Amino acid sequence: DKYRAGYEAQPKRRSEQGAIIDQLDQGFADAYYFLLASNVMVR
């Protein structure tokens, strides 16, 4: 909600439970603050 404007403007496709971002867009600058260690699961 805090980063809603940038997130909504980010090109993405819908998926069950949320969305997929194929390539980060410069307009979603807040993505870089959104990704914490504790909320990330990574390969």
PDB file of all heavy atoms in Angstrom:
ATOM      1  N   ASP A   1       0.831  -1.205   0.000  1.00  0.00           N
ATOM      2  CA  ASP A   1       0.000   0.000   0.000  1.00  0.00           C
ATOM      3  C   ASP A   1       0.865   1.255   0.000  1.00  0.00           C
ATOM      4  O   ASP A   1       0.569   2.228  -0.689  1.00  0.00           O
ATOM      5  CB  ASP A   1      -0.934   0.010   1.212  1.00  0.00           C
ATOM      6  CG  ASP A   1      -2.144  -0.893   1.013  1.00  0.00           C
ATOM      7  OD1 ASP A   1      -2.350  -1.365  -0.126  1.00  0.00           O
ATOM      8  OD2 ASP A   1      -2.867  -1.141   1.992  1.00  0.00           O
ATOM      9  N   LYS A   2       1.945   1.224   0.756  1.00  0.00           N
ATOM     10  CA  LYS A   2       2.855   2.377   0.801  1.00  0.00           C
ATOM     11  C   LYS A   2       3.457   2.649  -0.575  1.00  0.00           C
ATOM     12  O   LYS A   2       3.616   3.801  -0.980  1.00  0.00           O
ATOM     13  CB  LYS A   2       3.961   2.114   1.820  1.00  0.00           C
ATOM     14  CG  LYS A   2       4.980   3.241   1.937  1.00  0.00           C
ATOM     15  CD  LYS A   2       6.046   2.930   2.974  1.00  0.00           C
ATOM     16  CE  LYS A   2       7.064   4.057   3.068  1.00  0.00           C
ATOM     17  NZ  LYS A   2       8.103   3.776   4.086  1.00  0.00           N
ATOM     18  N   TYR A   3       3.809   1.580  -1.293  1.00  0.00           N
ATOM     19  CA  TYR A   3       4.453   1.717  -2.599  1.00  0.00           C
ATOM     20  C   TYR A   3       3.478   1.460  -3.743  1.00  0.00           C
ATOM     21  O   TYR A   3       3.871   1.092  -4.849  1.00  0.00           O
ATOM     22  CB  TYR A   3       5.629   0.735  -2.690  1.00  0.00           C
ATOM     23  CG  TYR A   3       6.643   0.878  -1.577  1.00  0.00           C
ATOM     24  CD1 TYR A   3       7.128  -0.237  -0.903  1.00  0.00           C
ATOM     25  CD2 TYR A   3       7.114   2.123  -1.194  1.00  0.00           C
ATOM     26  CE1 TYR A   3       8.068  -0.110   0.112  1.00  0.00           C
ATOM     27  CE2 TYR A   3       8.043   2.265  -0.180  1.00  0.00           C
ATOM     28  CZ  TYR A   3       8.515   1.143   0.469  1.00  0.00           C
ATOM     29  OH  TYR A   3       9.437   1.273   1.479  1.00  0.00           O
ATOM     30  N   ARG A   4       2.192   1.659  -3.490  1.00  0.00           N
ATOM     31  CA  ARG A   4       1.144   1.264  -4.416  1.00  0.00           C
ATOM     32  C   ARG A   4       1.274   1.911  -5.794  1.00  0.00           C
ATOM     33  O   ARG A   4       1.106   1.242  -6.826  1.00  0.00           O
ATOM     34  CB  ARG A   4      -0.226   1.602  -3.821  1.00  0.00           C
ATOM     35  CG  ARG A   4      -1.432   1.246  -4.689  1.00  0.00           C
ATOM     36  CD  ARG A   4      -1.553  -0.248  -4.905  1.00  0.00           C
ATOM     37  NE  ARG A   4      -1.682  -0.990  -3.648  1.00  0.00           N
ATOM     38  CZ  ARG A   4      -1.702  -2.315  -3.589  1.00  0.00           C
ATOM     39  NH1 ARG A   4      -1.576  -3.045  -4.688  1.00  0.00           N
ATOM     40  NH2 ARG A   4      -1.822  -2.923  -2.415  1.00  0.00           N
ATOM     41  N   ALA A   5       1.561   3.211  -5.857  1.00  0.00           N
ATOM     42  CA  ALA A   5       1.587   3.909  -7.145  1.00  0.00           C
ATOM     43  C   ALA A   5       2.607   3.285  -8.091  1.00  0.00           C
ATOM     44  O   ALA A   5       2.304   2.984  -9.258  1.00  0.00           O
ATOM     45  CB  ALA A   5       1.878   5.394  -6.939  1.00  0.00           C
ATOM     46  N   GLY A   6       3.815   3.071  -7.598  1.00  0.00           N
ATOM     47  CA  GLY A   6       4.846   2.484  -8.444  1.00  0.00           C
ATOM     48  C   GLY A   6       4.548   1.046  -8.794  1.00  0.00           C
ATOM     49  O   GLY A   6       4.800   0.605  -9.929  1.00  0.00           O
ATOM     50  N   TYR A   7       3.987   0.312  -7.848  1.00  0.00           N
ATOM     51  CA  TYR A   7       3.681  -1.093  -8.099  1.00  0.00           C
ATOM     52  C   TYR A   7       2.579  -1.239  -9.147  1.00  0.00           C
ATOM     53  O   TYR A   7       2.674  -2.084 -10.050  1.00  0.00           O
ATOM     54  CB  TYR A   7       3.261  -1.781  -6.804  1.00  0.00           C
ATOM     55  CG  TYR A   7       2.919  -3.239  -6.973  1.00  0.00           C
ATOM     56  CD1 TYR A   7       3.890  -4.159  -7.352  1.00  0.00           C
ATOM     57  CD2 TYR A   7       1.614  -3.696  -6.766  1.00  0.00           C
ATOM     58  CE1 TYR A   7       3.575  -5.502  -7.514  1.00  0.00           C
ATOM     59  CE2 TYR A   7       1.296  -5.037  -6.928  1.00  0.00           C
ATOM     60  CZ  TYR A   7       2.281  -5.933  -7.303  1.00  0.00           C
ATOM     61  OH  TYR A   7       1.962  -7.271  -7.466  1.00  0.00           O
ATOM     62  N   GLU A   8       1.546  -0.424  -9.055  1.00  0.00           N
ATOM     63  CA  GLU A   8       0.459  -0.512 -10.028  1.00  0.00           C
ATOM     64  C   GLU A   8       0.925  -0.120 -11.423  1.00  0.00           C
ATOM     65  O   GLU A   8       0.423  -0.632 -12.430  1.00  0.00           O
ATOM     66  CB  GLU A   8      -0.713   0.368  -9.589  1.00  0.00           C
ATOM     67  CG  GLU A   8      -1.415  -0.106  -8.324  1.00  0.00           C
ATOM     68  CD  GLU A   8      -2.043  -1.481  -8.471  1.00  0.00           C
ATOM     69  OE1 GLU A   8      -2.306  -1.905  -9.607  1.00  0.00           O
ATOM     70  OE2 GLU A   8      -2.259  -2.141  -7.432  1.00  0.00           O
ATOM     71  N   ALA A   9       1.890   0.799 -11.496  1.00  0.00           N
ATOM     72  CA  ALA A   9       2.404   1.223 -12.804  1.00  0.00           C
ATOM     73  C   ALA A   9       3.371   0.212 -13.411  1.00  0.00           C
ATOM     74  O   ALA A   9       3.651   0.260 -14.610  1.00  0.00           O
ATOM     75  CB  ALA A   9       3.092   2.584 -12.673  1.00  0.00           C
ATOM     76  N   GLN A  10       3.905  -0.686 -12.591  1.00  0.00           N
ATOM     77  CA  GLN A  10       4.864  -1.682 -13.059  1.00  0.00           C
ATOM     78  C   GLN A  10       4.192  -2.687 -14.004  1.00  0.00           C
ATOM     79  O   GLN A  10       3.182  -3.304 -13.649  1.00  0.00           O
ATOM     80  CB  GLN A  10       5.437  -2.428 -11.856  1.00  0.00           C
ATOM     81  CG  GLN A  10       6.204  -3.691 -12.180  1.00  0.00           C
ATOM     82  CD  GLN A  10       7.549  -3.421 -12.816  1.00  0.00           C
ATOM     83  OE1 GLN A  10       8.330  -2.633 -12.313  1.00  0.00           O
ATOM     84  NE2 GLN A  10       7.820  -4.086 -13.926  1.00  0.00           N
ATOM     85  N   PRO A  11       4.717  -2.889 -15.214  1.00  0.00           N
ATOM     86  CA  PRO A  11       4.177  -3.944 -16.087  1.00  0.00           C
ATOM     87  C   PRO A  11       4.318  -5.304 -15.415  1.00  0.00           C
ATOM     88  O   PRO A  11       5.397  -5.662 -14.932  1.00  0.00           O
ATOM     89  CB  PRO A  11       5.049  -3.849 -17.341  1.00  0.00           C
ATOM     90  CG  PRO A  11       5.603  -2.456 -17.319  1.00  0.00           C
ATOM     91  CD  PRO A  11       5.787  -2.119 -15.867  1.00  0.00           C
ATOM     92  N   LYS A  12       3.223  -6.072 -15.370  1.00  0.00           N
ATOM     93  CA  LYS A  12       3.240  -7.377 -14.717  1.00  0.00           C
ATOM     94  C   LYS A  12       2.097  -8.211 -15.253  1.00  0.00           C
ATOM     95  O   LYS A  12       1.187  -7.700 -15.905  1.00  0.00           O
ATOM     96  CB  LYS A  12       3.137  -7.218 -13.199  1.00  0.00           C
ATOM     97  CG  LYS A  12       1.970  -6.366 -12.716  1.00  0.00           C
ATOM     98  CD  LYS A  12       2.087  -6.120 -11.213  1.00  0.00           C
ATOM     99  CE  LYS A  12       1.044  -5.138 -10.717  1.00  0.00           C
ATOM    100  NZ  LYS A  12       1.214  -3.780 -11.265  1.00  0.00           N
ATOM    101  N   ARG A  13       2.143  -9.483 -14.969  1.00  0.00           N
ATOM    102  CA  ARG A  13       1.052 -10.381 -15.347  1.00  0.00           C
ATOM    103  C   ARG A  13       0.517 -11.045 -14.087  1.00  0.00           C
ATOM    104  O   ARG A  13       1.252 -11.296 -13.136  1.00  0.00           O
ATOM    105  CB  ARG A  13       1.505 -11.404 -16.380  1.00  0.00           C
ATOM    106  CG  ARG A  13       2.753 -12.173 -16.022  1.00  0.00           C
ATOM    107  CD  ARG A  13       3.271 -12.974 -17.220  1.00  0.00           C
ATOM    108  NE  ARG A  13       4.627 -13.446 -17.008  1.00  0.00           N
ATOM    109  CZ  ARG A  13       4.947 -14.628 -16.493  1.00  0.00           C
ATOM    110  NH1 ARG A  13       3.995 -15.484 -16.128  1.00  0.00           N
ATOM    111  NH2 ARG A  13       6.207 -14.991 -16.349  1.00  0.00           N
ATOM    112  N   ARG A  14      -0.764 -11.307 -14.107  1.00  0.00           N
ATOM    113  CA  ARG A  14      -1.409 -11.866 -12.931  1.00  0.00           C
ATOM    114  C   ARG A  14      -1.079 -13.342 -12.766  1.00  0.00           C
ATOM    115  O   ARG A  14      -0.854 -14.065 -13.750  1.00  0.00           O
ATOM    116  CB  ARG A  14      -2.930 -11.707 -13.020  1.00  0.00           C
ATOM    117  CG  ARG A  14      -3.426 -10.292 -13.235  1.00  0.00           C
ATOM    118  CD  ARG A  14      -2.849  -9.284 -12.249  1.00  0.00           C
ATOM    119  NE  ARG A  14      -3.104  -9.667 -10.858  1.00  0.00           N
ATOM    120  CZ  ARG A  14      -2.607  -9.030  -9.814  1.00  0.00           C
ATOM    121  NH1 ARG A  14      -1.838  -7.975  -9.994  1.00  0.00           N
ATOM    122  NH2 ARG A  14      -2.888  -9.431  -8.590  1.00  0.00           N
ATOM    123  N   SER A  15      -1.039 -13.784 -11.526  1.00  0.00           N
ATOM    124  CA  SER A  15      -0.845 -15.185 -11.202  1.00  0.00           C
ATOM    125  C   SER A  15      -1.640 -15.493  -9.943  1.00  0.00           C
ATOM    126  O   SER A  15      -2.039 -14.581  -9.207  1.00  0.00           O
ATOM    127  CB  SER A  15       0.643 -15.483 -10.961  1.00  0.00           C
ATOM    128  OG  SER A  15       0.845 -16.836 -10.592  1.00  0.00           O
ATOM    129  N   GLU A  16      -1.869 -16.756  -9.700  1.00  0.00           N
ATOM    130  CA  GLU A  16      -2.531 -17.166  -8.465  1.00  0.00           C
ATOM    131  C   GLU A  16      -1.761 -16.592  -7.278  1.00  0.00           C
ATOM    132  O   GLU A  16      -0.538 -16.700  -7.204  1.00  0.00           O
ATOM    133  CB  GLU A  16      -2.550 -18.691  -8.370  1.00  0.00           C
ATOM    134  CG  GLU A  16      -3.355 -19.249  -7.217  1.00  0.00           C
ATOM    135  CD  GLU A  16      -4.858 -19.186  -7.457  1.00  0.00           C
ATOM    136  OE1 GLU A  16      -5.255 -19.093  -8.636  1.00  0.00           O
ATOM    137  OE2 GLU A  16      -5.607 -19.250  -6.478  1.00  0.00           O
ATOM    138  N   GLN A  17      -2.454 -15.924  -6.377  1.00  0.00           N
ATOM    139  CA  GLN A  17      -1.914 -15.320  -5.156  1.00  0.00           C
ATOM    140  C   GLN A  17      -1.259 -13.955  -5.382  1.00  0.00           C
ATOM    141  O   GLN A  17      -0.961 -13.255  -4.427  1.00  0.00           O
ATOM    142  CB  GLN A  17      -0.883 -16.227  -4.454  1.00  0.00           C
ATOM    143  CG  GLN A  17      -1.372 -17.598  -4.099  1.00  0.00           C
ATOM    144  CD  GLN A  17      -2.456 -17.591  -3.038  1.00  0.00           C
ATOM    145  OE1 GLN A  17      -2.700 -16.595  -2.403  1.00  0.00           O
ATOM    146  NE2 GLN A  17      -3.129 -18.720  -2.887  1.00  0.00           N
ATOM    147  N   GLY A  18      -1.008 -13.558  -6.654  1.00  0.00           N
ATOM    148  CA  GLY A  18      -0.341 -12.276  -6.835  1.00  0.00           C
ATOM    149  C   GLY A  18      -0.013 -11.967  -8.275  1.00  0.00           C
ATOM    150  O   GLY A  18      -0.873 -12.047  -9.150  1.00  0.00           O
ATOM    151  N   ALA A  19       1.256 -11.635  -8.527  1.00  0.00           N
ATOM    152  CA  ALA A  19       1.659 -11.195  -9.858  1.00  0.00           C
ATOM    153  C   ALA A  19       3.084 -11.626 -10.152  1.00  0.00           C
ATOM    154  O   ALA A  19       3.874 -11.908  -9.244  1.00  0.00           O
ATOM    155  CB  ALA A  19       1.537  -9.679  -9.970  1.00  0.00           C
ATOM    156  N   ILE A  20       3.412 -11.634 -11.459  1.00  0.00           N
ATOM    157  CA  ILE A  20       4.763 -11.917 -11.921  1.00  0.00           C
ATOM    158  C   ILE A  20       5.293 -10.668 -12.620  1.00  0.00           C
ATOM    159  O   ILE A  20       4.624 -10.102 -13.491  1.00  0.00           O
ATOM    160  CB  ILE A  20       4.802 -13.098 -12.914  1.00  0.00           C
ATOM    161  CG1 ILE A  20       4.133 -14.334 -12.313  1.00  0.00           C
ATOM    162  CG2 ILE A  20       6.243 -13.397 -13.328  1.00  0.00           C
ATOM    163  CD1 ILE A  20       4.784 -14.861 -11.070  1.00  0.00           C
ATOM    164  N   ILE A  21       6.468 -10.238 -12.232  1.00  0.00           N
ATOM    165  CA  ILE A  21       7.148  -9.122 -12.885  1.00  0.00           C
ATOM    166  C   ILE A  21       8.286  -9.711 -13.707  1.00  0.00           C
ATOM    167  O   ILE A  21       9.253 -10.247 -13.159  1.00  0.00           O
ATOM    168  CB  ILE A  21       7.678  -8.109 -11.860  1.00  0.00           C
ATOM    169  CG1 ILE A  21       6.514  -7.441 -11.128  1.00  0.00           C
ATOM    170  CG2 ILE A  21       8.566  -7.057 -12.535  1.00  0.00           C
ATOM    171  CD1 ILE A  21       6.929  -6.504 -10.013  1.00  0.00           C
ATOM    172  N   ASP A  22       8.147  -9.642 -15.024  1.00  0.00           N
ATOM    173  CA  ASP A  22       9.155 -10.247 -15.892  1.00  0.00           C
ATOM    174  C   ASP A  22      10.435  -9.427 -15.950  1.00  0.00           C
ATOM    175  O   ASP A  22      11.530  -9.984 -16.080  1.00  0.00           O
ATOM    176  CB  ASP A  22       8.590 -10.437 -17.305  1.00  0.00           C
ATOM    177  CG  ASP A  22       7.522 -11.525 -17.345  1.00  0.00           C
ATOM    178  OD1 ASP A  22       7.847 -12.667 -16.970  1.00  0.00           O
ATOM    179  OD2 ASP A  22       6.377 -11.231 -17.725  1.00  0.00           O
ATOM    180  N   GLN A  23      10.298  -8.122 -15.866  1.00  0.00           N
ATOM    181  CA  GLN A  23      11.476  -7.255 -15.909  1.00  0.00           C
ATOM    182  C   GLN A  23      11.169  -5.992 -15.122  1.00  0.00           C
ATOM    183  O   GLN A  23      10.170  -5.317 -15.389  1.00  0.00           O
ATOM    184  CB  GLN A  23      11.830  -6.906 -17.361  1.00  0.00           C
ATOM    185  CG  GLN A  23      13.117  -6.117 -17.513  1.00  0.00           C
ATOM    186  CD  GLN A  23      13.471  -5.896 -18.976  1.00  0.00           C
ATOM    187  OE1 GLN A  23      12.598  -5.601 -19.796  1.00  0.00           O
ATOM    188  NE2 GLN A  23      14.739  -6.047 -19.305  1.00  0.00           N
ATOM    189  N   LEU A  24      12.018  -5.667 -14.179  1.00  0.00           N
ATOM    190  CA  LEU A  24      11.784  -4.480 -13.371  1.00  0.00           C
ATOM    191  C   LEU A  24      11.787  -3.229 -14.231  1.00  0.00           C
ATOM    192  O   LEU A  24      12.631  -3.057 -15.117  1.00  0.00           O
ATOM    193  CB  LEU A  24      12.859  -4.347 -12.287  1.00  0.00           C
ATOM    194  CG  LEU A  24      12.648  -5.172 -11.018  1.00  0.00           C
ATOM    195  CD1 LEU A  24      13.877  -5.062 -10.114  1.00  0.00           C
ATOM    196  CD2 LEU A  24      11.410  -4.712 -10.271  1.00  0.00           C
ATOM    197  N   ASP A  25      10.823  -2.372 -13.958  1.00  0.00           N
ATOM    198  CA  ASP A  25      10.687  -1.111 -14.668  1.00  0.00           C
ATOM    199  C   ASP A  25      11.213   0.018 -13.782  1.00  0.00           C
ATOM    200  O   ASP A  25      11.048  -0.015 -12.566  1.00  0.00           O
ATOM    201  CB  ASP A  25       9.217  -0.876 -15.013  1.00  0.00           C
ATOM    202  CG  ASP A  25       9.007   0.389 -15.818  1.00  0.00           C
ATOM    203  OD1 ASP A  25       9.130   0.332 -17.043  1.00  0.00           O
ATOM    204  OD2 ASP A  25       8.715   1.427 -15.197  1.00  0.00           O
ATOM    205  N   GLN A  26      11.835   1.020 -14.391  1.00  0.00           N
ATOM    206  CA  GLN A  26      12.403   2.122 -13.624  1.00  0.00           C
ATOM    207  C   GLN A  26      11.347   2.870 -12.817  1.00  0.00           C
ATOM    208  O   GLN A  26      11.639   3.439 -11.769  1.00  0.00           O
ATOM    209  CB  GLN A  26      13.132   3.090 -14.561  1.00  0.00           C
ATOM    210  CG  GLN A  26      13.950   4.160 -13.828  1.00  0.00           C
ATOM    211  CD  GLN A  26      14.764   4.996 -14.795  1.00  0.00           C
ATOM    212  OE1 GLN A  26      14.755   4.752 -16.002  1.00  0.00           O
ATOM    213  NE2 GLN A  26      15.468   5.990 -14.276  1.00  0.00           N
ATOM    214  N   GLY A  27      10.103   2.851 -13.299  1.00  0.00           N
ATOM    215  CA  GLY A  27       9.041   3.535 -12.577  1.00  0.00           C
ATOM    216  C   GLY A  27       8.714   2.922 -11.237  1.00  0.00           C
ATOM    217  O   GLY A  27       8.161   3.584 -10.355  1.00  0.00           O
ATOM    218  N   PHE A  28       9.052   1.640 -11.067  1.00  0.00           N
ATOM    219  CA  PHE A  28       8.800   0.976  -9.787  1.00  0.00           C
ATOM    220  C   PHE A  28      10.060   1.079  -8.925  1.00  0.00           C
ATOM    221  O   PHE A  28      10.635   0.093  -8.493  1.00  0.00           O
ATOM    222  CB  PHE A  28       8.408  -0.485 -10.027  1.00  0.00           C
ATOM    223  CG  PHE A  28       7.927  -1.207  -8.789  1.00  0.00           C
ATOM    224  CD1 PHE A  28       7.451  -0.535  -7.687  1.00  0.00           C
ATOM    225  CD2 PHE A  28       7.961  -2.587  -8.737  1.00  0.00           C
ATOM    226  CE1 PHE A  28       7.007  -1.208  -6.557  1.00  0.00           C
ATOM    227  CE2 PHE A  28       7.518  -3.274  -7.619  1.00  0.00           C
ATOM    228  CZ  PHE A  28       7.048  -2.584  -6.522  1.00  0.00           C
ATOM    229  N   ALA A  29      10.491   2.310  -8.676  1.00  0.00           N
ATOM    230  CA  ALA A  29      11.713   2.540  -7.899  1.00  0.00           C
ATOM    231  C   ALA A  29      11.606   1.960  -6.496  1.00  0.00           C
ATOM    232  O   ALA A  29      12.602   1.525  -5.911  1.00  0.00           O
ATOM    233  CB  ALA A  29      12.018   4.036  -7.824  1.00  0.00           C
ATOM    234  N   ASP A  30      10.406   1.922  -5.939  1.00  0.00           N
ATOM    235  CA  ASP A  30      10.236   1.441  -4.572  1.00  0.00           C
ATOM    236  C   ASP A  30      10.443  -0.063  -4.441  1.00  0.00           C
ATOM    237  O   ASP A  30      10.526  -0.577  -3.323  1.00  0.00           O
ATOM    238  CB  ASP A  30       8.837   1.810  -4.052  1.00  0.00           C
ATOM    239  CG  ASP A  30       8.665   3.307  -3.876  1.00  0.00           C
ATOM    240  OD1 ASP A  30       9.647   3.961  -3.474  1.00  0.00           O
ATOM    241  OD2 ASP A  30       7.577   3.823  -4.155  1.00  0.00           O
ATOM    242  N   ALA A  31      10.535  -0.771  -5.556  1.00  0.00           N
ATOM    243  CA  ALA A  31      10.818  -2.211  -5.488  1.00  0.00           C
ATOM    244  C   ALA A  31      12.122  -2.462  -4.752  1.00  0.00           C
ATOM    245  O   ALA A  31      12.302  -3.491  -4.101  1.00  0.00           O
ATOM    246  CB  ALA A  31      10.899  -2.804  -6.891  1.00  0.00           C
ATOM    247  N   TYR A  32      13.020  -1.501  -4.828  1.00  0.00           N
ATOM    248  CA  TYR A  32      14.343  -1.681  -4.242  1.00  0.00           C
ATOM    249  C   TYR A  32      14.312  -1.523  -2.721  1.00  0.00           C
ATOM    250  O   TYR A  32      15.242  -1.921  -2.034  1.00  0.00           O
ATOM    251  CB  TYR A  32      15.319  -0.699  -4.893  1.00  0.00           C
ATOM    252  CG  TYR A  32      15.252  -0.822  -6.403  1.00  0.00           C
ATOM    253  CD1 TYR A  32      14.404  -0.012  -7.154  1.00  0.00           C
ATOM    254  CD2 TYR A  32      15.968  -1.812  -7.063  1.00  0.00           C
ATOM    255  CE1 TYR A  32      14.295  -0.163  -8.533  1.00  0.00           C
ATOM    256  CE2 TYR A  32      15.858  -1.974  -8.436  1.00  0.00           C
ATOM    257  CZ  TYR A  32      15.029  -1.144  -9.160  1.00  0.00           C
ATOM    258  OH  TYR A  32      14.916  -1.315 -10.518  1.00  0.00           O
ATOM    259  N   TYR A  33      13.249  -0.937  -2.197  1.00  0.00           N
ATOM    260  CA  TYR A  33      13.038  -0.871  -0.752  1.00  0.00           C
ATOM    261  C   TYR A  33      12.082  -1.978  -0.303  1.00  0.00           C
ATOM    262  O   TYR A  33      12.081  -2.359   0.874  1.00  0.00           O
ATOM    263  CB  TYR A  33      12.456   0.491  -0.362  1.00  0.00           C
ATOM    264  CG  TYR A  33      13.283   1.657  -0.836  1.00  0.00           C
ATOM    265  CD1 TYR A  33      12.865   2.435  -1.909  1.00  0.00           C
ATOM    266  CD2 TYR A  33      14.489   1.970  -0.230  1.00  0.00           C
ATOM    267  CE1 TYR A  33      13.623   3.506  -2.366  1.00  0.00           C
ATOM    268  CE2 TYR A  33      15.262   3.035  -0.674  1.00  0.00           C
ATOM    269  CZ  TYR A  33      14.815   3.797  -1.739  1.00  0.00           C
ATOM    270  OH  TYR A  33      15.574   4.846  -2.196  1.00  0.00           O
ATOM    271  N   PHE A  34      11.297  -2.477  -1.214  1.00  0.00           N
ATOM    272  CA  PHE A  34      10.293  -3.474  -0.893  1.00  0.00           C
ATOM    273  C   PHE A  34      10.913  -4.845  -0.617  1.00  0.00           C
ATOM    274  O   PHE A  34      10.410  -5.618   0.201  1.00  0.00           O
ATOM    275  CB  PHE A  34       9.283  -3.575  -2.037  1.00  0.00           C
ATOM    276  CG  PHE A  34       8.243  -4.637  -1.846  1.00  0.00           C
ATOM    277  CD1 PHE A  34       7.205  -4.457  -0.935  1.00  0.00           C
ATOM    278  CD2 PHE A  34       8.294  -5.819  -2.575  1.00  0.00           C
ATOM    279  CE1 PHE A  34       6.242  -5.441  -0.747  1.00  0.00           C
ATOM    280  CE2 PHE A  34       7.333  -6.797  -2.403  1.00  0.00           C
ATOM    281  CZ  PHE A  34       6.304  -6.604  -1.478  1.00  0.00           C
ATOM    282  N   LEU A  35      12.001  -5.163  -1.295  1.00  0.00           N
ATOM    283  CA  LEU A  35      12.609  -6.481  -1.162  1.00  0.00           C
ATOM    284  C   LEU A  35      13.504  -6.534   0.070  1.00  0.00           C
ATOM    285  O   LEU A  35      14.615  -6.008   0.079  1.00  0.00           O
ATOM    286  CB  LEU A  35      13.414  -6.827  -2.414  1.00  0.00           C
ATOM    287  CG  LEU A  35      12.617  -6.950  -3.715  1.00  0.00           C
ATOM    288  CD1 LEU A  35      13.547  -7.254  -4.877  1.00  0.00           C
ATOM    289  CD2 LEU A  35      11.536  -8.011  -3.611  1.00  0.00           C
ATOM    290  N   LEU A  36      13.011  -7.164   1.119  1.00  0.00           N
ATOM    291  CA  LEU A  36      13.778  -7.401   2.338  1.00  0.00           C
ATOM    292  C   LEU A  36      14.287  -8.840   2.329  1.00  0.00           C
ATOM    293  O   LEU A  36      13.806  -9.670   1.563  1.00  0.00           O
ATOM    294  CB  LEU A  36      12.893  -7.214   3.572  1.00  0.00           C
ATOM    295  CG  LEU A  36      12.032  -5.965   3.671  1.00  0.00           C
ATOM    296  CD1 LEU A  36      11.127  -6.082   4.891  1.00  0.00           C
ATOM    297  CD2 LEU A  36      12.912  -4.737   3.766  1.00  0.00           C
ATOM    298  N   ALA A  37      15.217  -9.146   3.206  1.00  0.00           N
ATOM    299  CA  ALA A  37      15.606 -10.551   3.338  1.00  0.00           C
ATOM    300  C   ALA A  37      14.422 -11.387   3.829  1.00  0.00           C
ATOM    301  O   ALA A  37      14.138 -12.451   3.285  1.00  0.00           O
ATOM    302  CB  ALA A  37      16.788 -10.681   4.293  1.00  0.00           C
ATOM    303  N   SER A  38      13.699 -10.889   4.829  1.00  0.00           N
ATOM    304  CA  SER A  38      12.679 -11.706   5.493  1.00  0.00           C
ATOM    305  C   SER A  38      11.452 -11.993   4.635  1.00  0.00           C
ATOM    306  O   SER A  38      10.673 -12.891   4.960  1.00  0.00           O
ATOM    307  CB  SER A  38      12.232 -11.038   6.800  1.00  0.00           C
ATOM    308  OG  SER A  38      13.277 -11.022   7.739  1.00  0.00           O
ATOM    309  N   ASN A  39      11.231 -11.228   3.555  1.00  0.00           N
ATOM    310  CA  ASN A  39      10.050 -11.487   2.733  1.00  0.00           C
ATOM    311  C   ASN A  39      10.393 -12.111   1.386  1.00  0.00           C
ATOM    312  O   ASN A  39       9.546 -12.204   0.510  1.00  0.00           O
ATOM    313  CB  ASN A  39       9.223 -10.209   2.529  1.00  0.00           C
ATOM    314  CG  ASN A  39       9.805  -9.264   1.490  1.00  0.00           C
ATOM    315  OD1 ASN A  39      11.018  -9.194   1.290  1.00  0.00           O
ATOM    316  ND2 ASN A  39       8.947  -8.492   0.840  1.00  0.00           N
ATOM    317  N   VAL A  40      11.630 -12.589   1.247  1.00  0.00           N
ATOM    318  CA  VAL A  40      12.097 -13.132  -0.027  1.00  0.00           C
ATOM    319  C   VAL A  40      12.391 -14.626   0.096  1.00  0.00           C
ATOM    320  O   VAL A  40      13.006 -15.072   1.063  1.00  0.00           O
ATOM    321  CB  VAL A  40      13.363 -12.387  -0.500  1.00  0.00           C
ATOM    322  CG1 VAL A  40      14.121 -13.179  -1.542  1.00  0.00           C
ATOM    323  CG2 VAL A  40      12.973 -11.023  -1.069  1.00  0.00           C
ATOM    324  N   MET A  41      11.951 -15.367  -0.903  1.00  0.00           N
ATOM    325  CA  MET A  41      12.332 -16.767  -1.098  1.00  0.00           C
ATOM    326  C   MET A  41      12.985 -16.838  -2.472  1.00  0.00           C
ATOM    327  O   MET A  41      12.409 -16.383  -3.465  1.00  0.00           O
ATOM    328  CB  MET A  41      11.093 -17.664  -1.042  1.00  0.00           C
ATOM    329  CG  MET A  41      11.398 -19.144  -1.063  1.00  0.00           C
ATOM    330  SD  MET A  41       9.884 -20.165  -0.997  1.00  0.00           S
ATOM    331  CE  MET A  41       9.325 -20.024  -2.713  1.00  0.00           C
ATOM    332  N   VAL A  42      14.189 -17.394  -2.561  1.00  0.00           N
ATOM    333  CA  VAL A  42      14.969 -17.287  -3.792  1.00  0.00           C
ATOM    334  C   VAL A  42      15.588 -18.632  -4.144  1.00  0.00           C
ATOM    335  O   VAL A  42      15.881 -19.453  -3.271  1.00  0.00           O
ATOM    336  CB  VAL A  42      16.060 -16.195  -3.635  1.00  0.00           C
ATOM    337  CG1 VAL A  42      17.035 -16.530  -2.517  1.00  0.00           C
ATOM    338  CG2 VAL A  42      16.802 -15.945  -4.939  1.00  0.00           C
ATOM    339  N   ARG A  43      15.782 -18.861  -5.432  1.00  0.00           N
ATOM    340  CA  ARG A  43      16.380 -20.110  -5.904  1.00  0.00           C
ATOM    341  C   ARG A  43      17.846 -20.192  -5.500  1.00  0.00           C
ATOM    342  O   ARG A  43      18.630 -19.271  -5.745  1.00  0.00           O
ATOM    343  CB  ARG A  43      16.243 -20.219  -7.423  1.00  0.00           C
ATOM    344  CG  ARG A  43      14.896 -20.719  -7.877  1.00  0.00           C
ATOM    345  CD  ARG A  43      14.719 -20.620  -9.370  1.00  0.00           C
ATOM    346  NE  ARG A  43      15.867 -21.115 -10.136  1.00  0.00           N
ATOM    347  CZ  ARG A  43      15.969 -20.995 -11.472  1.00  0.00           C
ATOM    348  NH1 ARG A  43      15.008 -20.399 -12.151  1.00  0.00           N
ATOM    349  NH2 ARG A  43      17.032 -21.469 -12.102  1.00  0.00           N
TER     350      ARG A  43
END
